[in-house]
C-alpha atoms as a PDB file:
ATOM      1  CA  GLN A   1      -8.895   0.469  16.791  1.00  0.00           C
ATOM      2  CA  VAL A   2      -5.770   1.307  14.837  1.00  0.00           C
ATOM      3  CA  GLN A   3      -5.699   4.503  12.792  1.00  0.00           C
ATOM      4  CA  LEU A   4      -3.796   4.606   9.518  1.00  0.00           C
ATOM      5  CA  VAL A   5      -2.411   7.582   7.628  1.00  0.00           C
ATOM      6  CA  GLU A   6      -0.996   7.171   4.140  1.00  0.00           C
ATOM      7  CA  SER A   7       1.541   9.507   2.615  1.00  0.00           C
ATOM      8  CA  GLY A   8       4.047   9.617  -0.201  1.00  0.00           C
ATOM      9  CA  GLY A   9       1.747   9.827  -3.173  1.00  0.00           C
ATOM     10  CA  GLY A  10       2.161  12.352  -5.915  1.00  0.00           C
ATOM     11  CA  LEU A  11       2.881  12.897  -9.569  1.00  0.00           C
ATOM     12  CA  VAL A  12       5.665  10.873 -11.133  1.00  0.00           C
ATOM     13  CA  GLN A  13       6.820  10.193 -14.669  1.00  0.00           C
ATOM     14  CA  VAL A  14       6.687   6.809 -16.348  1.00  0.00           C
ATOM     15  CA  GLY A  15       9.591   4.717 -15.141  1.00  0.00           C
ATOM     16  CA  GLY A  16       9.930   6.632 -11.921  1.00  0.00           C
ATOM     17  CA  SER A  17       9.606   5.506  -8.329  1.00  0.00           C
ATOM     18  CA  LEU A  18       7.600   6.394  -5.255  1.00  0.00           C
ATOM     19  CA  ARG A  19       7.564   5.077  -1.733  1.00  0.00           C
ATOM     20  CA  LEU A  20       4.214   5.109   0.021  1.00  0.00           C
ATOM     21  CA  SER A  21       4.063   5.082   3.800  1.00  0.00           C
ATOM     22  CA  CYS A  22       1.276   3.862   6.046  1.00  0.00           C
ATOM     23  CA  ALA A  23       1.767   5.150   9.569  1.00  0.00           C
ATOM     24  CA  ALA A  24      -0.225   3.358  12.247  1.00  0.00           C
ATOM     25  CA  SER A  25      -1.348   4.813  15.550  1.00  0.00           C
ATOM     26  CA  ARG A  26      -0.072   1.836  17.486  1.00  0.00           C
ATOM     27  CA  SER A  27       2.210  -1.149  17.106  1.00  0.00           C
ATOM     28  CA  ILE A  28       1.584  -3.198  13.983  1.00  0.00           C
ATOM     29  CA  PHE A  29       3.468  -6.206  15.325  1.00  0.00           C
ATOM     30  CA  SER A  30       0.309  -8.127  16.225  1.00  0.00           C
ATOM     31  CA  ILE A  31      -1.762  -7.226  13.159  1.00  0.00           C
ATOM     32  CA  ALA A  32      -2.562 -10.285  11.089  1.00  0.00           C
ATOM     33  CA  VAL A  33      -2.307  -8.655   7.668  1.00  0.00           C
ATOM     34  CA  MET A  34      -1.185  -5.267   6.412  1.00  0.00           C
ATOM     35  CA  GLY A  35      -2.091  -4.507   2.851  1.00  0.00           C
ATOM     36  CA  TRP A  36      -1.995  -1.914   0.136  1.00  0.00           C
ATOM     37  CA  TYR A  37      -4.962  -1.562  -2.190  1.00  0.00           C
ATOM     38  CA  ARG A  38      -5.684   0.794  -5.041  1.00  0.00           C
ATOM     39  CA  GLN A  39      -8.804   2.115  -6.699  1.00  0.00           C
ATOM     40  CA  THR A  40      -9.485   3.950  -9.937  1.00  0.00           C
ATOM     41  CA  PRO A  41     -12.802   5.748 -10.537  1.00  0.00           C
ATOM     42  CA  GLY A  42     -15.345   3.284 -11.885  1.00  0.00           C
ATOM     43  CA  LYS A  43     -13.376   0.225 -10.818  1.00  0.00           C
ATOM     44  CA  GLU A  44     -13.354  -1.992  -7.762  1.00  0.00           C
ATOM     45  CA  ARG A  45     -10.698  -1.572  -5.144  1.00  0.00           C
ATOM     46  CA  GLU A  46      -8.012  -4.167  -5.735  1.00  0.00           C
ATOM     47  CA  LEU A  47      -5.310  -5.696  -3.612  1.00  0.00           C
ATOM     48  CA  VAL A  48      -1.849  -4.579  -4.648  1.00  0.00           C
ATOM     49  CA  ALA A  49       0.339  -6.114  -1.969  1.00  0.00           C
ATOM     50  CA  SER A  50      -0.009  -7.576   1.491  1.00  0.00           C
ATOM     51  CA  ILE A  51       2.210  -8.888   4.224  1.00  0.00           C
ATOM     52  CA  THR A  52       1.206 -11.163   7.073  1.00  0.00           C
ATOM     53  CA  LYS A  53       2.274 -11.129  10.694  1.00  0.00           C
ATOM     54  CA  GLY A  54       4.568 -14.000   9.782  1.00  0.00           C
ATOM     55  CA  GLY A  55       6.269 -11.979   7.078  1.00  0.00           C
ATOM     56  CA  ILE A  56       4.692 -13.617   4.051  1.00  0.00           C
ATOM     57  CA  ALA A  57       4.165 -11.145   1.225  1.00  0.00           C
ATOM     58  CA  ASN A  58       2.002 -11.457  -1.837  1.00  0.00           C
ATOM     59  CA  TYR A  59       1.461  -9.207  -4.824  1.00  0.00           C
ATOM     60  CA  ALA A  60      -0.953  -8.647  -7.627  1.00  0.00           C
ATOM     61  CA  ASP A  61       0.417 -10.025 -10.876  1.00  0.00           C
ATOM     62  CA  SER A  62       0.329  -6.547 -12.364  1.00  0.00           C
ATOM     63  CA  VAL A  63       2.881  -5.222  -9.876  1.00  0.00           C
ATOM     64  CA  LYS A  64       4.975  -8.301  -9.188  1.00  0.00           C
ATOM     65  CA  GLY A  65       8.641  -7.533  -9.632  1.00  0.00           C
ATOM     66  CA  ARG A  66       8.073  -3.783  -9.478  1.00  0.00           C
ATOM     67  CA  PHE A  67       6.522  -3.181  -6.045  1.00  0.00           C
ATOM     68  CA  THR A  68       7.768  -4.256  -2.639  1.00  0.00           C
ATOM     69  CA  ILE A  69       5.864  -4.178   0.631  1.00  0.00           C
ATOM     70  CA  SER A  70       7.795  -3.931   3.868  1.00  0.00           C
ATOM     71  CA  ARG A  71       7.346  -3.155   7.551  1.00  0.00           C
ATOM     72  CA  ASP A  72       9.199  -1.104  10.115  1.00  0.00           C
ATOM     73  CA  TYR A  73       7.942  -2.186  13.517  1.00  0.00           C
ATOM     74  CA  ALA A  74       9.886   0.507  15.352  1.00  0.00           C
ATOM     75  CA  ALA A  75       8.179   3.182  13.265  1.00  0.00           C
ATOM     76  CA  ASN A  76       4.739   1.500  13.269  1.00  0.00           C
ATOM     77  CA  THR A  77       4.842   1.879   9.516  1.00  0.00           C
ATOM     78  CA  VAL A  78       4.234  -0.208   6.415  1.00  0.00           C
ATOM     79  CA  TYR A  79       5.792   0.858   3.141  1.00  0.00           C
ATOM     80  CA  LEU A  80       5.086   0.228  -0.492  1.00  0.00           C
ATOM     81  CA  GLN A  81       8.107   0.803  -2.685  1.00  0.00           C
ATOM     82  CA  MET A  82       6.914   1.322  -6.247  1.00  0.00           C
ATOM     83  CA  ASN A  83       9.442   1.173  -9.061  1.00  0.00           C
ATOM     84  CA  SER A  84       9.186   1.257 -12.842  1.00  0.00           C
ATOM     85  CA  LEU A  85       5.857   3.008 -12.614  1.00  0.00           C
ATOM     86  CA  ILE A  86       3.476   2.939 -15.561  1.00  0.00           C
ATOM     87  CA  PRO A  87       0.295   4.932 -16.245  1.00  0.00           C
ATOM     88  CA  GLU A  88      -1.831   1.924 -15.262  1.00  0.00           C
ATOM     89  CA  ASP A  89      -0.538   2.363 -11.711  1.00  0.00           C
ATOM     90  CA  THR A  90      -2.432   5.647 -11.433  1.00  0.00           C
ATOM     91  CA  ALA A  91      -4.945   5.280  -8.612  1.00  0.00           C
ATOM     92  CA  VAL A  92      -5.752   6.185  -5.057  1.00  0.00           C
ATOM     93  CA  TYR A  93      -3.746   3.866  -2.835  1.00  0.00           C
ATOM     94  CA  TYR A  94      -5.185   2.731   0.485  1.00  0.00           C
ATOM     95  CA  CYS A  95      -3.594   1.025   3.428  1.00  0.00           C
ATOM     96  CA  ARG A  96      -5.479  -1.664   5.357  1.00  0.00           C
ATOM     97  CA  ALA A  97      -4.786  -3.265   8.702  1.00  0.00           C
ATOM     98  CA  GLY A  98      -6.750  -6.250   9.896  1.00  0.00           C
ATOM     99  CA  ASN A  99      -7.554  -9.873   9.369  1.00  0.00           C
ATOM    100  CA  LEU A 100      -9.939 -11.907   7.243  1.00  0.00           C
ATOM    101  CA  ARG A 101     -12.890 -10.789   9.347  1.00  0.00           C
ATOM    102  CA  LEU A 102     -12.329  -7.119   9.984  1.00  0.00           C
ATOM    103  CA  GLY A 103     -10.054  -4.342   8.866  1.00  0.00           C
ATOM    104  CA  THR A 104      -9.328  -0.654   9.156  1.00  0.00           C
ATOM    105  CA  TRP A 105      -8.648   1.611   6.192  1.00  0.00           C
ATOM    106  CA  GLY A 106      -6.571   4.701   5.796  1.00  0.00           C
ATOM    107  CA  GLN A 107      -7.805   7.757   3.920  1.00  0.00           C
ATOM    108  CA  GLY A 108      -5.846   7.069   0.759  1.00  0.00           C
ATOM    109  CA  THR A 109      -3.119   8.834  -1.164  1.00  0.00           C
ATOM    110  CA  GLN A 110      -3.204   9.714  -4.847  1.00  0.00           C
ATOM    111  CA  VAL A 111      -0.580   8.340  -7.199  1.00  0.00           C
ATOM    112  CA  THR A 112      -0.504   9.722 -10.721  1.00  0.00           C
ATOM    113  CA  VAL A 113       1.906   8.396 -13.322  1.00  0.00           C
ATOM    114  CA  SER A 114       2.249  10.685 -16.304  1.00  0.00           C
ATOM    115  CA  SER A 115       3.305   9.697 -19.785  1.00  0.00           C
END
């Protein structure tokens, strides 16, 4: 149903910041959960941050205090603000829109943190 396009990835130095954007093709107001996931070659895709329709956010322990997920309903966009980046944050980051039963994925955007 909804189409998602991620952007904002790139190469950044340790300690730097990036803001990822997930632009949706329609309103995200009614979507149960918007989430950011990341995946490194050879590893399972993992949840980084999510935010519910009610505004409840949760984060992986590894990014807590450094990353912030937010929404802009007017822009149909979910953001992931990433601060104090470390090499372990290097991954392809994916946006997901859905609920516990079903979701839609974006194509992913590469984040590389160089030391």
